[in-house]
Amino acid sequence: MAKCRECGSNLPADAKFCPSCGSQIGLKRDVFQVSAENLIARVKEIVRDARVKQVVVKDEKGKVLLSIPVTWGAAGAVATIAFAPWLAALGVIAGIVTKCTVEVERASS
């Protein structure tokens, strides 16, 4: 029987979400260490992938600084326009931290 990656609970065979913690099943998580200078460019590069569902930026101690849900509509331009406020927030974060961790959740297929 499969187990949830987040909480370790047993999952039903056809589950799309964990019945215990609610996390989505079938997502792959990648973790990148990024310097403040490269933060905005790296996140822009990451969100170009249509499989990306969420981007989480953490400081050196693991504290979540920003969590960005990424949704793609019918047009990629809509996603770009909606992403502008997040880029402003990333600019502020880049001015505060020297290094950070970027966690990316994306659909596995």
Protein backbone atom coordinates (compact mmCIF):
# COMPACT_ATOMS: atom_id res chain seq x y z
CA MET A 1 0.00 0.00 0.00
CA ALA A 2 1.25 3.46 -0.89
CA LYS A 3 2.02 6.03 1.80
CA CYS A 4 1.60 9.80 1.80
CA ARG A 5 4.90 11.62 1.29
CA GLU A 6 3.86 14.38 3.72
CA CYS A 7 2.31 12.58 6.70
CA GLY A 8 3.05 8.87 6.13
CA SER A 9 -0.60 7.74 6.19
CA ASN A 10 -1.71 4.77 4.11
CA LEU A 11 -3.37 5.82 0.86
CA PRO A 12 -6.28 4.16 -0.96
CA ALA A 13 -5.29 2.85 -4.41
CA ASP A 14 -7.22 5.50 -6.35
CA ALA A 15 -6.48 8.49 -4.09
CA LYS A 16 -5.72 11.88 -5.63
CA PHE A 17 -5.42 13.55 -2.21
CA CYS A 18 -4.31 12.19 1.17
CA PRO A 19 -7.37 11.56 3.37
CA SER A 20 -5.36 12.53 6.48
CA CYS A 21 -3.46 15.70 5.55
CA GLY A 22 -5.04 16.70 2.24
CA SER A 23 -1.82 16.90 0.23
CA GLN A 24 -2.09 16.14 -3.47
CA ILE A 25 -0.80 12.73 -4.54
CA GLY A 26 1.45 12.41 -7.58
CA LEU A 27 3.45 15.60 -7.17
CA LYS A 28 7.21 15.62 -7.43
CA ARG A 29 9.20 18.00 -5.21
CA ASP A 30 12.49 19.54 -6.30
CA VAL A 31 14.65 21.64 -3.98
CA PHE A 32 17.14 24.27 -5.16
CA GLN A 33 19.63 26.38 -3.21
CA VAL A 34 19.64 29.87 -4.74
CA SER A 35 21.59 33.04 -4.00
CA ALA A 36 19.66 36.29 -3.59
CA GLU A 37 21.06 37.63 -6.87
CA ASN A 38 19.63 34.70 -8.84
CA LEU A 39 16.31 34.31 -6.98
CA ILE A 40 14.00 36.18 -9.36
CA ALA A 41 15.56 34.74 -12.52
CA ARG A 42 15.40 31.19 -11.13
CA VAL A 43 11.74 31.49 -10.11
CA LYS A 44 10.83 32.97 -13.52
CA GLU A 45 12.53 30.00 -15.16
CA ILE A 46 10.72 27.53 -12.90
CA VAL A 47 7.20 28.87 -13.50
CA ARG A 48 7.57 28.53 -17.27
CA ASP A 49 7.03 24.80 -16.79
CA ALA A 50 3.29 24.14 -17.08
CA ARG A 51 3.59 21.16 -14.70
CA VAL A 52 4.60 23.41 -11.77
CA LYS A 53 1.85 23.68 -9.14
CA GLN A 54 3.55 25.58 -6.31
CA VAL A 55 6.80 27.39 -5.55
CA VAL A 56 7.88 27.89 -1.92
CA VAL A 57 10.76 30.20 -0.98
CA LYS A 58 12.45 29.58 2.38
CA ASP A 59 15.28 31.34 4.20
CA GLU A 60 18.50 29.67 5.42
CA LYS A 61 16.76 28.43 8.58
CA GLY A 62 13.87 26.82 6.67
CA LYS A 63 11.27 29.48 7.48
CA VAL A 64 8.74 29.95 4.67
CA LEU A 65 9.08 33.45 3.25
CA LEU A 66 6.74 33.13 0.27
CA SER A 67 4.45 30.44 -1.11
CA ILE A 68 3.33 30.96 -4.70
CA PRO A 69 0.49 28.86 -6.11
CA VAL A 70 0.99 28.49 -9.86
CA THR A 71 -2.05 27.93 -12.04
CA TRP A 72 -2.10 27.97 -15.80
CA GLY A 73 -5.17 29.23 -17.55
CA ALA A 74 -6.00 28.96 -21.24
CA ALA A 75 -3.37 31.57 -22.10
CA GLY A 76 0.16 31.76 -20.75
CA ALA A 77 -0.10 35.56 -20.76
CA VAL A 78 -2.70 35.40 -18.01
CA ALA A 79 -0.26 33.50 -15.80
CA THR A 80 2.48 36.07 -16.52
CA ILE A 81 0.27 39.06 -15.64
CA ALA A 82 -0.96 37.42 -12.45
CA PHE A 83 2.64 36.63 -11.49
CA ALA A 84 3.81 40.29 -11.39
CA PRO A 85 2.95 40.93 -7.68
CA TRP A 86 4.86 37.79 -6.71
CA LEU A 87 7.94 39.09 -8.53
CA ALA A 88 7.78 42.30 -6.49
CA ALA A 89 7.67 40.24 -3.28
CA LEU A 90 10.63 38.16 -4.49
CA GLY A 91 12.58 41.39 -5.04
CA VAL A 92 12.03 42.35 -1.40
CA ILE A 93 13.07 38.88 -0.23
CA ALA A 94 16.21 39.04 -2.37
CA GLY A 95 17.13 42.27 -0.58
CA ILE A 96 16.78 40.67 2.84
CA VAL A 97 18.40 37.23 2.54
CA THR A 98 21.73 36.12 1.09
CA LYS A 99 20.77 32.53 0.29
CA CYS A 100 17.43 30.80 0.14
CA THR A 101 15.85 27.48 -0.72
CA VAL A 102 13.29 27.19 -3.49
CA GLU A 103 10.99 24.16 -3.31
CA VAL A 104 9.03 23.34 -6.45
CA GLU A 105 6.05 21.02 -6.58
CA ARG A 106 5.16 19.78 -10.04
CA ALA A 107 2.97 17.12 -11.55
CA SER A 108 5.01 13.98 -12.07
CA SER A 109 3.77 13.37 -15.60
